[in-house]
């Protein structure tokens, strides 16, 4: 597992031997290898530019209307529709919401985005 140190990352690639540099550049093109002591044992250590951090997938919660369903809107049907539209890790759930009269009831989806 690479360790982050500022904008330079390091990764230990096993024993320090003649193949150290090629293992390092194969794993991380453009990287530099060096032999460092780890508990008095020479270890092949690879130094490379850290990749930019990526945001966690689906880190926000979003809401979306699936339109006006009217008086026939049921939380069960709405939730089924949302789960199908935003499955698995997006965890789509639905609910009916009315503004005013029942014929204005809409199905809303809440999901991870």
PDB file of N, CA and C in Angstrom:
ATOM      1  N   UNK A   1       0.845  -1.178   0.000  1.00  0.00           N
ATOM      2  CA  UNK A   1       0.000   0.000   0.000  1.00  0.00           C
ATOM      3  C   UNK A   1       0.886   1.235   0.000  1.00  0.00           C
ATOM      4  N   UNK A   2       0.705   2.138  -0.974  1.00  0.00           N
ATOM      5  CA  UNK A   2       1.515   3.350  -1.014  1.00  0.00           C
ATOM      6  C   UNK A   2       1.240   4.238   0.198  1.00  0.00           C
ATOM      7  N   UNK A   3       2.298   4.928   0.649  1.00  0.00           N
ATOM      8  CA  UNK A   3       2.152   5.903   1.722  1.00  0.00           C
ATOM      9  C   UNK A   3       2.304   7.282   1.107  1.00  0.00           C
ATOM     10  N   UNK A   4       1.463   8.227   1.536  1.00  0.00           N
ATOM     11  CA  UNK A   4       1.513   9.572   0.998  1.00  0.00           C
ATOM     12  C   UNK A   4       2.416  10.429   1.876  1.00  0.00           C
ATOM     13  N   UNK A   5       3.355  11.111   1.243  1.00  0.00           N
ATOM     14  CA  UNK A   5       4.240  12.053   1.923  1.00  0.00           C
ATOM     15  C   UNK A   5       4.281  13.302   1.067  1.00  0.00           C
ATOM     16  N   UNK A   6       3.385  14.253   1.332  1.00  0.00           N
ATOM     17  CA  UNK A   6       3.296  15.440   0.485  1.00  0.00           C
ATOM     18  C   UNK A   6       2.818  15.033  -0.891  1.00  0.00           C
ATOM     19  N   UNK A   7       3.612  15.368  -1.903  1.00  0.00           N
ATOM     20  CA  UNK A   7       3.223  14.971  -3.248  1.00  0.00           C
ATOM     21  C   UNK A   7       4.083  13.824  -3.777  1.00  0.00           C
ATOM     22  N   UNK A   8       4.903  13.223  -2.924  1.00  0.00           N
ATOM     23  CA  UNK A   8       5.702  12.051  -3.296  1.00  0.00           C
ATOM     24  C   UNK A   8       5.184  10.852  -2.504  1.00  0.00           C
ATOM     25  N   UNK A   9       4.901   9.785  -3.217  1.00  0.00           N
ATOM     26  CA  UNK A   9       4.444   8.554  -2.572  1.00  0.00           C
ATOM     27  C   UNK A   9       5.580   7.538  -2.571  1.00  0.00           C
ATOM     28  N   UNK A  10       5.532   6.623  -1.628  1.00  0.00           N
ATOM     29  CA  UNK A  10       6.514   5.537  -1.578  1.00  0.00           C
ATOM     30  C   UNK A  10       5.777   4.215  -1.469  1.00  0.00           C
ATOM     31  N   UNK A  11       6.414   3.202  -2.002  1.00  0.00           N
ATOM     32  CA  UNK A  11       5.878   1.843  -1.894  1.00  0.00           C
ATOM     33  C   UNK A  11       7.048   0.878  -1.765  1.00  0.00           C
ATOM     34  N   UNK A  12       6.974   0.010  -0.761  1.00  0.00           N
ATOM     35  CA  UNK A  12       7.993  -1.024  -0.595  1.00  0.00           C
ATOM     36  C   UNK A  12       7.688  -2.167  -1.546  1.00  0.00           C
ATOM     37  N   UNK A  13       8.718  -2.590  -2.312  1.00  0.00           N
ATOM     38  CA  UNK A  13       8.531  -3.623  -3.335  1.00  0.00           C
ATOM     39  C   UNK A  13       9.363  -4.868  -3.055  1.00  0.00           C
ATOM     40  N   UNK A  14       9.545  -5.191  -1.801  1.00  0.00           N
ATOM     41  CA  UNK A  14      10.246  -6.427  -1.459  1.00  0.00           C
ATOM     42  C   UNK A  14      11.743  -6.233  -1.310  1.00  0.00           C
ATOM     43  N   UNK A  15      12.448  -7.316  -1.533  1.00  0.00           N
ATOM     44  CA  UNK A  15      13.897  -7.335  -1.313  1.00  0.00           C
ATOM     45  C   UNK A  15      14.620  -6.417  -2.292  1.00  0.00           C
ATOM     46  N   UNK A  16      15.696  -5.819  -1.801  1.00  0.00           N
ATOM     47  CA  UNK A  16      16.530  -4.975  -2.640  1.00  0.00           C
ATOM     48  C   UNK A  16      17.493  -5.879  -3.410  1.00  0.00           C
ATOM     49  N   UNK A  17      17.307  -5.948  -4.727  1.00  0.00           N
ATOM     50  CA  UNK A  17      18.151  -6.784  -5.573  1.00  0.00           C
ATOM     51  C   UNK A  17      18.301  -6.111  -6.926  1.00  0.00           C
ATOM     52  N   UNK A  18      18.873  -6.809  -7.878  1.00  0.00           N
ATOM     53  CA  UNK A  18      19.106  -6.230  -9.199  1.00  0.00           C
ATOM     54  C   UNK A  18      17.811  -5.861  -9.926  1.00  0.00           C
ATOM     55  N   UNK A  19      16.687  -6.461  -9.557  1.00  0.00           N
ATOM     56  CA  UNK A  19      15.411  -6.187 -10.221  1.00  0.00           C
ATOM     57  C   UNK A  19      14.617  -5.062  -9.581  1.00  0.00           C
ATOM     58  N   UNK A  20      15.187  -4.424  -8.563  1.00  0.00           N
ATOM     59  CA  UNK A  20      14.468  -3.375  -7.826  1.00  0.00           C
ATOM     60  C   UNK A  20      13.992  -2.253  -8.752  1.00  0.00           C
ATOM     61  N   UNK A  21      14.889  -1.700  -9.547  1.00  0.00           N
ATOM     62  CA  UNK A  21      14.534  -0.570 -10.401  1.00  0.00           C
ATOM     63  C   UNK A  21      13.473  -0.950 -11.434  1.00  0.00           C
ATOM     64  N   UNK A  22      13.592  -2.119 -12.033  1.00  0.00           N
ATOM     65  CA  UNK A  22      12.618  -2.516 -13.055  1.00  0.00           C
ATOM     66  C   UNK A  22      11.244  -2.785 -12.429  1.00  0.00           C
ATOM     67  N   UNK A  23      11.200  -3.361 -11.215  1.00  0.00           N
ATOM     68  CA  UNK A  23       9.912  -3.564 -10.536  1.00  0.00           C
ATOM     69  C   UNK A  23       9.249  -2.220 -10.249  1.00  0.00           C
ATOM     70  N   UNK A  24      10.060  -1.256  -9.838  1.00  0.00           N
ATOM     71  CA  UNK A  24       9.543   0.068  -9.496  1.00  0.00           C
ATOM     72  C   UNK A  24       8.981   0.773 -10.733  1.00  0.00           C
ATOM     73  N   UNK A  25       9.753   0.830 -11.807  1.00  0.00           N
ATOM     74  CA  UNK A  25       9.283   1.540 -13.009  1.00  0.00           C
ATOM     75  C   UNK A  25       8.140   0.799 -13.694  1.00  0.00           C
ATOM     76  N   UNK A  26       8.076  -0.515 -13.494  1.00  0.00           N
ATOM     77  CA  UNK A  26       6.957  -1.283 -14.033  1.00  0.00           C
ATOM     78  C   UNK A  26       5.672  -0.962 -13.268  1.00  0.00           C
ATOM     79  N   UNK A  27       5.781  -0.831 -11.956  1.00  0.00           N
ATOM     80  CA  UNK A  27       4.611  -0.533 -11.132  1.00  0.00           C
ATOM     81  C   UNK A  27       4.191   0.927 -11.253  1.00  0.00           C
ATOM     82  N   UNK A  28       5.177   1.811 -11.409  1.00  0.00           N
ATOM     83  CA  UNK A  28       4.913   3.256 -11.454  1.00  0.00           C
ATOM     84  C   UNK A  28       5.838   3.894 -12.502  1.00  0.00           C
ATOM     85  N   UNK A  29       5.387   4.002 -13.752  1.00  0.00           N
ATOM     86  CA  UNK A  29       6.230   4.578 -14.798  1.00  0.00           C
ATOM     87  C   UNK A  29       6.776   5.958 -14.392  1.00  0.00           C
ATOM     88  N   UNK A  30       8.059   6.145 -14.624  1.00  0.00           N
ATOM     89  CA  UNK A  30       8.708   7.400 -14.286  1.00  0.00           C
ATOM     90  C   UNK A  30       9.188   7.487 -12.846  1.00  0.00           C
ATOM     91  N   UNK A  31       8.980   6.424 -12.078  1.00  0.00           N
ATOM     92  CA  UNK A  31       9.372   6.425 -10.665  1.00  0.00           C
ATOM     93  C   UNK A  31      10.866   6.165 -10.509  1.00  0.00           C
ATOM     94  N   UNK A  32      11.364   6.428  -9.323  1.00  0.00           N
ATOM     95  CA  UNK A  32      12.767   6.175  -8.969  1.00  0.00           C
ATOM     96  C   UNK A  32      12.796   5.153  -7.841  1.00  0.00           C
ATOM     97  N   UNK A  33      13.754   4.231  -7.927  1.00  0.00           N
ATOM     98  CA  UNK A  33      13.898   3.200  -6.904  1.00  0.00           C
ATOM     99  C   UNK A  33      15.132   3.453  -6.065  1.00  0.00           C
ATOM    100  N   UNK A  34      15.079   2.979  -4.855  1.00  0.00           N
ATOM    101  CA  UNK A  34      16.227   3.063  -3.970  1.00  0.00           C
ATOM    102  C   UNK A  34      16.158   1.946  -2.949  1.00  0.00           C
ATOM    103  N   UNK A  35      17.310   1.591  -2.409  1.00  0.00           N
ATOM    104  CA  UNK A  35      17.360   0.566  -1.376  1.00  0.00           C
ATOM    105  C   UNK A  35      17.485   1.244  -0.020  1.00  0.00           C
ATOM    106  N   UNK A  36      16.547   0.973   0.847  1.00  0.00           N
ATOM    107  CA  UNK A  36      16.540   1.535   2.194  1.00  0.00           C
ATOM    108  C   UNK A  36      16.579   0.398   3.195  1.00  0.00           C
ATOM    109  N   UNK A  37      17.092   0.697   4.362  1.00  0.00           N
ATOM    110  CA  UNK A  37      17.105  -0.304   5.432  1.00  0.00           C
ATOM    111  C   UNK A  37      15.799  -0.236   6.203  1.00  0.00           C
ATOM    112  N   UNK A  38      15.219  -1.406   6.392  1.00  0.00           N
ATOM    113  CA  UNK A  38      14.011  -1.543   7.186  1.00  0.00           C
ATOM    114  C   UNK A  38      14.287  -2.647   8.200  1.00  0.00           C
ATOM    115  N   UNK A  39      14.479  -2.295   9.472  1.00  0.00           N
ATOM    116  CA  UNK A  39      14.870  -3.267  10.504  1.00  0.00           C
ATOM    117  C   UNK A  39      16.145  -4.000  10.095  1.00  0.00           C
ATOM    118  N   UNK A  40      17.122  -3.231   9.596  1.00  0.00           N
ATOM    119  CA  UNK A  40      18.425  -3.754   9.167  1.00  0.00           C
ATOM    120  C   UNK A  40      18.347  -4.685   7.958  1.00  0.00           C
ATOM    121  N   UNK A  41      17.226  -4.664   7.242  1.00  0.00           N
ATOM    122  CA  UNK A  41      17.069  -5.470   6.032  1.00  0.00           C
ATOM    123  C   UNK A  41      16.918  -4.529   4.852  1.00  0.00           C
ATOM    124  N   UNK A  42      17.737  -4.687   3.801  1.00  0.00           N
ATOM    125  CA  UNK A  42      17.588  -3.816   2.625  1.00  0.00           C
ATOM    126  C   UNK A  42      16.265  -4.087   1.901  1.00  0.00           C
ATOM    127  N   UNK A  43      15.524  -3.023   1.684  1.00  0.00           N
ATOM    128  CA  UNK A  43      14.209  -3.112   1.048  1.00  0.00           C
ATOM    129  C   UNK A  43      14.202  -2.226  -0.193  1.00  0.00           C
ATOM    130  N   UNK A  44      13.599  -2.728  -1.258  1.00  0.00           N
ATOM    131  CA  UNK A  44      13.432  -1.951  -2.480  1.00  0.00           C
ATOM    132  C   UNK A  44      12.272  -0.981  -2.256  1.00  0.00           C
ATOM    133  N   UNK A  45      12.580   0.309  -2.302  1.00  0.00           N
ATOM    134  CA  UNK A  45      11.550   1.317  -2.078  1.00  0.00           C
ATOM    135  C   UNK A  45      11.407   2.147  -3.348  1.00  0.00           C
ATOM    136  N   UNK A  46      10.173   2.310  -3.755  1.00  0.00           N
ATOM    137  CA  UNK A  46       9.842   3.033  -4.981  1.00  0.00           C
ATOM    138  C   UNK A  46       9.276   4.403  -4.611  1.00  0.00           C
ATOM    139  N   UNK A  47       9.788   5.458  -5.273  1.00  0.00           N
ATOM    140  CA  UNK A  47       9.342   6.837  -5.045  1.00  0.00           C
ATOM    141  C   UNK A  47       8.673   7.344  -6.323  1.00  0.00           C
ATOM    142  N   UNK A  48       7.461   7.838  -6.189  1.00  0.00           N
ATOM    143  CA  UNK A  48       6.714   8.284  -7.366  1.00  0.00           C
ATOM    144  C   UNK A  48       5.769   9.415  -6.995  1.00  0.00           C
ATOM    145  N   UNK A  49       5.330  10.167  -8.022  1.00  0.00           N
ATOM    146  CA  UNK A  49       4.365  11.242  -7.796  1.00  0.00           C
ATOM    147  C   UNK A  49       3.030  10.642  -7.375  1.00  0.00           C
ATOM    148  N   UNK A  50       2.474  11.178  -6.313  1.00  0.00           N
ATOM    149  CA  UNK A  50       1.176  10.696  -5.835  1.00  0.00           C
ATOM    150  C   UNK A  50       0.081  11.080  -6.829  1.00  0.00           C
ATOM    151  N   UNK A  51      -0.833  10.161  -7.093  1.00  0.00           N
ATOM    152  CA  UNK A  51      -1.968  10.521  -7.948  1.00  0.00           C
ATOM    153  C   UNK A  51      -2.896  11.457  -7.176  1.00  0.00           C
ATOM    154  N   UNK A  52      -3.683  12.255  -7.872  1.00  0.00           N
ATOM    155  CA  UNK A  52      -4.615  13.143  -7.159  1.00  0.00           C
ATOM    156  C   UNK A  52      -5.650  12.308  -6.413  1.00  0.00           C
ATOM    157  N   UNK A  53      -6.072  12.774  -5.246  1.00  0.00           N
ATOM    158  CA  UNK A  53      -7.081  12.020  -4.501  1.00  0.00           C
ATOM    159  C   UNK A  53      -8.397  12.016  -5.262  1.00  0.00           C
ATOM    160  N   UNK A  54      -9.083  10.919  -5.202  1.00  0.00           N
ATOM    161  CA  UNK A  54     -10.382  10.845  -5.870  1.00  0.00           C
ATOM    162  C   UNK A  54     -11.470  10.910  -4.805  1.00  0.00           C
ATOM    163  N   UNK A  55     -12.553  11.608  -5.101  1.00  0.00           N
ATOM    164  CA  UNK A  55     -13.626  11.700  -4.115  1.00  0.00           C
ATOM    165  C   UNK A  55     -14.282  10.341  -3.946  1.00  0.00           C
ATOM    166  N   UNK A  56     -14.791  10.059  -2.775  1.00  0.00           N
ATOM    167  CA  UNK A  56     -15.463   8.781  -2.583  1.00  0.00           C
ATOM    168  C   UNK A  56     -16.695   8.702  -3.481  1.00  0.00           C
ATOM    169  N   UNK A  57     -16.962   7.529  -4.026  1.00  0.00           N
ATOM    170  CA  UNK A  57     -18.136   7.416  -4.897  1.00  0.00           C
ATOM    171  C   UNK A  57     -19.416   7.613  -4.098  1.00  0.00           C
ATOM    172  N   UNK A  58     -20.335   8.303  -4.702  1.00  0.00           N
ATOM    173  CA  UNK A  58     -21.646   8.525  -4.100  1.00  0.00           C
ATOM    174  C   UNK A  58     -21.532   9.111  -2.702  1.00  0.00           C
ATOM    175  N   UNK A  59     -20.842  10.233  -2.576  1.00  0.00           N
ATOM    176  CA  UNK A  59     -20.615  10.834  -1.273  1.00  0.00           C
ATOM    177  C   UNK A  59     -21.695  11.846  -0.878  1.00  0.00           C
ATOM    178  N   UNK A  60     -22.584  12.191  -1.807  1.00  0.00           N
ATOM    179  CA  UNK A  60     -23.645  13.149  -1.511  1.00  0.00           C
ATOM    180  C   UNK A  60     -25.001  12.466  -1.612  1.00  0.00           C
ATOM    181  N   UNK A  61     -26.023  13.136  -1.088  1.00  0.00           N
ATOM    182  CA  UNK A  61     -27.396  12.666  -1.236  1.00  0.00           C
ATOM    183  C   UNK A  61     -28.121  13.625  -2.174  1.00  0.00           C
ATOM    184  N   UNK A  62     -28.751  13.067  -3.190  1.00  0.00           N
ATOM    185  CA  UNK A  62     -29.493  13.874  -4.162  1.00  0.00           C
ATOM    186  C   UNK A  62     -30.969  13.510  -4.110  1.00  0.00           C
ATOM    187  N   UNK A  63     -31.792  14.452  -4.556  1.00  0.00           N
ATOM    188  CA  UNK A  63     -33.238  14.219  -4.642  1.00  0.00           C
ATOM    189  C   UNK A  63     -33.692  14.622  -6.039  1.00  0.00           C
ATOM    190  N   UNK A  64     -34.663  13.874  -6.544  1.00  0.00           N
ATOM    191  CA  UNK A  64     -35.156  14.109  -7.893  1.00  0.00           C
ATOM    192  C   UNK A  64     -36.625  13.718  -7.939  1.00  0.00           C
ATOM    193  N   UNK A  65     -37.421  14.516  -8.604  1.00  0.00           N
ATOM    194  CA  UNK A  65     -38.831  14.186  -8.778  1.00  0.00           C
ATOM    195  C   UNK A  65     -39.002  13.312 -10.019  1.00  0.00           C
ATOM    196  N   UNK A  66     -39.809  12.281  -9.881  1.00  0.00           N
ATOM    197  CA  UNK A  66     -40.159  11.452 -11.040  1.00  0.00           C
ATOM    198  C   UNK A  66     -41.477  11.909 -11.643  1.00  0.00           C
ATOM    199  N   UNK A  67     -41.916  13.081 -11.246  1.00  0.00           N
ATOM    200  CA  UNK A  67     -43.124  13.659 -11.823  1.00  0.00           C
ATOM    201  C   UNK A  67     -44.337  13.511 -10.920  1.00  0.00           C
ATOM    202  N   UNK A  68     -45.416  14.089 -11.380  1.00  0.00           N
ATOM    203  CA  UNK A  68     -46.675  14.048 -10.633  1.00  0.00           C
ATOM    204  C   UNK A  68     -47.351  12.718 -10.889  1.00  0.00           C
ATOM    205  N   UNK A  69     -47.620  11.998  -9.830  1.00  0.00           N
ATOM    206  CA  UNK A  69     -48.308  10.715  -9.918  1.00  0.00           C
ATOM    207  C   UNK A  69     -49.764  10.837  -9.487  1.00  0.00           C
ATOM    208  N   UNK A  70     -50.100  11.945  -8.882  1.00  0.00           N
ATOM    209  CA  UNK A  70     -51.481  12.185  -8.462  1.00  0.00           C
ATOM    210  C   UNK A  70     -51.896  11.339  -7.274  1.00  0.00           C
ATOM    211  N   UNK A  71     -53.196  11.123  -7.188  1.00  0.00           N
ATOM    212  CA  UNK A  71     -53.770  10.404  -6.044  1.00  0.00           C
ATOM    213  C   UNK A  71     -53.348   8.938  -5.998  1.00  0.00           C
ATOM    214  N   UNK A  72     -52.858   8.402  -7.097  1.00  0.00           N
ATOM    215  CA  UNK A  72     -52.447   6.996  -7.142  1.00  0.00           C
ATOM    216  C   UNK A  72     -51.032   6.770  -6.630  1.00  0.00           C
ATOM    217  N   UNK A  73     -50.340   7.814  -6.198  1.00  0.00           N
ATOM    218  CA  UNK A  73     -48.972   7.666  -5.717  1.00  0.00           C
ATOM    219  C   UNK A  73     -48.959   6.880  -4.400  1.00  0.00           C
ATOM    220  N   UNK A  74     -48.193   5.815  -4.378  1.00  0.00           N
ATOM    221  CA  UNK A  74     -48.002   5.065  -3.126  1.00  0.00           C
ATOM    222  C   UNK A  74     -46.505   5.017  -2.846  1.00  0.00           C
ATOM    223  N   UNK A  75     -46.158   5.112  -1.568  1.00  0.00           N
ATOM    224  CA  UNK A  75     -44.744   5.084  -1.200  1.00  0.00           C
ATOM    225  C   UNK A  75     -44.074   3.802  -1.683  1.00  0.00           C
ATOM    226  N   UNK A  76     -44.802   2.699  -1.644  1.00  0.00           N
ATOM    227  CA  UNK A  76     -44.235   1.406  -2.060  1.00  0.00           C
ATOM    228  C   UNK A  76     -43.887   1.411  -3.554  1.00  0.00           C
ATOM    229  N   UNK A  77     -44.820   1.853  -4.392  1.00  0.00           N
ATOM    230  CA  UNK A  77     -44.556   1.899  -5.836  1.00  0.00           C
ATOM    231  C   UNK A  77     -43.468   2.922  -6.174  1.00  0.00           C
ATOM    232  N   UNK A  78     -43.529   4.060  -5.510  1.00  0.00           N
ATOM    233  CA  UNK A  78     -42.538   5.115  -5.747  1.00  0.00           C
ATOM    234  C   UNK A  78     -41.142   4.622  -5.360  1.00  0.00           C
ATOM    235  N   UNK A  79     -41.052   3.964  -4.206  1.00  0.00           N
ATOM    236  CA  UNK A  79     -39.753   3.463  -3.758  1.00  0.00           C
ATOM    237  C   UNK A  79     -39.226   2.378  -4.697  1.00  0.00           C
ATOM    238  N   UNK A  80     -40.106   1.514  -5.199  1.00  0.00           N
ATOM    239  CA  UNK A  80     -39.698   0.477  -6.156  1.00  0.00           C
ATOM    240  C   UNK A  80     -39.144   1.098  -7.431  1.00  0.00           C
ATOM    241  N   UNK A  81     -39.804   2.140  -7.898  1.00  0.00           N
ATOM    242  CA  UNK A  81     -39.363   2.837  -9.112  1.00  0.00           C
ATOM    243  C   UNK A  81     -37.990   3.481  -8.895  1.00  0.00           C
ATOM    244  N   UNK A  82     -37.796   4.078  -7.733  1.00  0.00           N
ATOM    245  CA  UNK A  82     -36.513   4.732  -7.429  1.00  0.00           C
ATOM    246  C   UNK A  82     -35.398   3.707  -7.249  1.00  0.00           C
ATOM    247  N   UNK A  83     -35.705   2.596  -6.610  1.00  0.00           N
ATOM    248  CA  UNK A  83     -34.701   1.545  -6.418  1.00  0.00           C
ATOM    249  C   UNK A  83     -34.259   0.983  -7.763  1.00  0.00           C
ATOM    250  N   UNK A  84     -35.183   0.896  -8.725  1.00  0.00           N
ATOM    251  CA  UNK A  84     -34.831   0.410 -10.057  1.00  0.00           C
ATOM    252  C   UNK A  84     -33.993   1.455 -10.817  1.00  0.00           C
ATOM    253  N   UNK A  85     -34.314   2.724 -10.623  1.00  0.00           N
ATOM    254  CA  UNK A  85     -33.596   3.793 -11.329  1.00  0.00           C
ATOM    255  C   UNK A  85     -32.214   4.038 -10.732  1.00  0.00           C
ATOM    256  N   UNK A  86     -32.079   3.875  -9.410  1.00  0.00           N
ATOM    257  CA  UNK A  86     -30.805   4.102  -8.700  1.00  0.00           C
ATOM    258  C   UNK A  86     -30.504   2.879  -7.832  1.00  0.00           C
ATOM    259  N   UNK A  87     -30.050   1.787  -8.451  1.00  0.00           N
ATOM    260  CA  UNK A  87     -29.861   0.522  -7.731  1.00  0.00           C
ATOM    261  C   UNK A  87     -28.549   0.451  -6.946  1.00  0.00           C
ATOM    262  N   UNK A  88     -28.408  -0.634  -6.219  1.00  0.00           N
ATOM    263  CA  UNK A  88     -27.159  -0.986  -5.544  1.00  0.00           C
ATOM    264  C   UNK A  88     -26.607   0.096  -4.652  1.00  0.00           C
ATOM    265  N   UNK A  89     -25.355   0.505  -4.919  1.00  0.00           N
ATOM    266  CA  UNK A  89     -24.685   1.450  -4.018  1.00  0.00           C
ATOM    267  C   UNK A  89     -25.326   2.839  -3.996  1.00  0.00           C
ATOM    268  N   UNK A  90     -26.169   3.143  -4.987  1.00  0.00           N
ATOM    269  CA  UNK A  90     -26.837   4.447  -4.970  1.00  0.00           C
ATOM    270  C   UNK A  90     -28.025   4.465  -4.022  1.00  0.00           C
ATOM    271  N   UNK A  91     -28.498   3.301  -3.613  1.00  0.00           N
ATOM    272  CA  UNK A  91     -29.521   3.141  -2.573  1.00  0.00           C
ATOM    273  C   UNK A  91     -30.744   4.026  -2.789  1.00  0.00           C
ATOM    274  N   UNK A  92     -31.315   3.953  -3.993  1.00  0.00           N
ATOM    275  CA  UNK A  92     -32.480   4.772  -4.293  1.00  0.00           C
ATOM    276  C   UNK A  92     -33.696   4.369  -3.480  1.00  0.00           C
ATOM    277  N   UNK A  93     -34.311   5.343  -2.826  1.00  0.00           N
ATOM    278  CA  UNK A  93     -35.571   5.123  -2.118  1.00  0.00           C
ATOM    279  C   UNK A  93     -36.526   6.227  -2.551  1.00  0.00           C
ATOM    280  N   UNK A  94     -37.802   5.935  -2.525  1.00  0.00           N
ATOM    281  CA  UNK A  94     -38.775   6.905  -2.985  1.00  0.00           C
ATOM    282  C   UNK A  94     -39.856   7.155  -1.962  1.00  0.00           C
ATOM    283  N   UNK A  95     -40.500   8.297  -2.126  1.00  0.00           N
ATOM    284  CA  UNK A  95     -41.615   8.655  -1.254  1.00  0.00           C
ATOM    285  C   UNK A  95     -42.531   9.600  -2.016  1.00  0.00           C
ATOM    286  N   UNK A  96     -43.787   9.580  -1.633  1.00  0.00           N
ATOM    287  CA  UNK A  96     -44.767  10.460  -2.242  1.00  0.00           C
ATOM    288  C   UNK A  96     -44.856  11.738  -1.421  1.00  0.00           C
ATOM    289  N   UNK A  97     -44.972  12.848  -2.132  1.00  0.00           N
ATOM    290  CA  UNK A  97     -45.035  14.136  -1.459  1.00  0.00           C
ATOM    291  C   UNK A  97     -46.057  15.002  -2.189  1.00  0.00           C
ATOM    292  N   UNK A  98     -46.944  15.590  -1.413  1.00  0.00           N
ATOM    293  CA  UNK A  98     -48.000  16.407  -1.994  1.00  0.00           C
ATOM    294  C   UNK A  98     -47.862  17.850  -1.552  1.00  0.00           C
ATOM    295  N   UNK A  99     -47.997  18.753  -2.509  1.00  0.00           N
ATOM    296  CA  UNK A  99     -48.061  20.174  -2.212  1.00  0.00           C
ATOM    297  C   UNK A  99     -49.492  20.599  -2.519  1.00  0.00           C
ATOM    298  N   UNK A 100     -50.280  20.698  -1.477  1.00  0.00           N
ATOM    299  CA  UNK A 100     -51.675  21.092  -1.681  1.00  0.00           C
ATOM    300  C   UNK A 100     -52.568  19.887  -1.912  1.00  0.00           C
ATOM    301  N   UNK A 101     -53.355  19.941  -2.966  1.00  0.00           N
ATOM    302  CA  UNK A 101     -54.348  18.910  -3.249  1.00  0.00           C
ATOM    303  C   UNK A 101     -53.691  17.586  -3.619  1.00  0.00           C
ATOM    304  N   UNK A 102     -54.355  16.447  -3.305  1.00  0.00           N
ATOM    305  CA  UNK A 102     -53.780  15.121  -3.579  1.00  0.00           C
ATOM    306  C   UNK A 102     -53.427  14.876  -5.046  1.00  0.00           C
ATOM    307  N   UNK A 103     -54.108  15.541  -5.986  1.00  0.00           N
ATOM    308  CA  UNK A 103     -53.790  15.291  -7.394  1.00  0.00           C
ATOM    309  C   UNK A 103     -52.469  15.922  -7.809  1.00  0.00           C
ATOM    310  N   UNK A 104     -51.824  16.690  -6.896  1.00  0.00           N
ATOM    311  CA  UNK A 104     -50.483  17.226  -7.145  1.00  0.00           C
ATOM    312  C   UNK A 104     -49.386  16.375  -6.505  1.00  0.00           C
ATOM    313  N   UNK A 105     -49.712  15.191  -6.044  1.00  0.00           N
ATOM    314  CA  UNK A 105     -48.737  14.337  -5.367  1.00  0.00           C
ATOM    315  C   UNK A 105     -47.679  13.856  -6.360  1.00  0.00           C
ATOM    316  N   UNK A 106     -46.416  14.029  -5.968  1.00  0.00           N
ATOM    317  CA  UNK A 106     -45.288  13.623  -6.811  1.00  0.00           C
ATOM    318  C   UNK A 106     -44.498  12.512  -6.139  1.00  0.00           C
ATOM    319  N   UNK A 107     -43.826  11.717  -6.968  1.00  0.00           N
ATOM    320  CA  UNK A 107     -42.905  10.686  -6.485  1.00  0.00           C
ATOM    321  C   UNK A 107     -41.503  11.301  -6.497  1.00  0.00           C
ATOM    322  N   UNK A 108     -40.874  11.303  -5.354  1.00  0.00           N
ATOM    323  CA  UNK A 108     -39.516  11.826  -5.223  1.00  0.00           C
ATOM    324  C   UNK A 108     -38.546  10.681  -4.931  1.00  0.00           C
ATOM    325  N   UNK A 109     -37.402  10.729  -5.556  1.00  0.00           N
ATOM    326  CA  UNK A 109     -36.330   9.771  -5.292  1.00  0.00           C
ATOM    327  C   UNK A 109     -35.239  10.462  -4.479  1.00  0.00           C
ATOM    328  N   UNK A 110     -34.753   9.733  -3.500  1.00  0.00           N
ATOM    329  CA  UNK A 110     -33.553  10.159  -2.756  1.00  0.00           C
ATOM    330  C   UNK A 110     -32.524   9.075  -2.981  1.00  0.00           C
ATOM    331  N   UNK A 111     -31.300   9.470  -3.393  1.00  0.00           N
ATOM    332  CA  UNK A 111     -30.283   8.497  -3.734  1.00  0.00           C
ATOM    333  C   UNK A 111     -28.904   9.086  -3.511  1.00  0.00           C
ATOM    334  N   UNK A 112     -27.913   8.219  -3.427  1.00  0.00           N
ATOM    335  CA  UNK A 112     -26.525   8.658  -3.255  1.00  0.00           C
ATOM    336  C   UNK A 112     -25.965   8.999  -4.631  1.00  0.00           C
ATOM    337  N   UNK A 113     -25.287  10.145  -4.691  1.00  0.00           N
ATOM    338  CA  UNK A 113     -24.760  10.593  -5.983  1.00  0.00           C
ATOM    339  C   UNK A 113     -23.354  11.142  -5.824  1.00  0.00           C
TER     340      UNK A 113
END
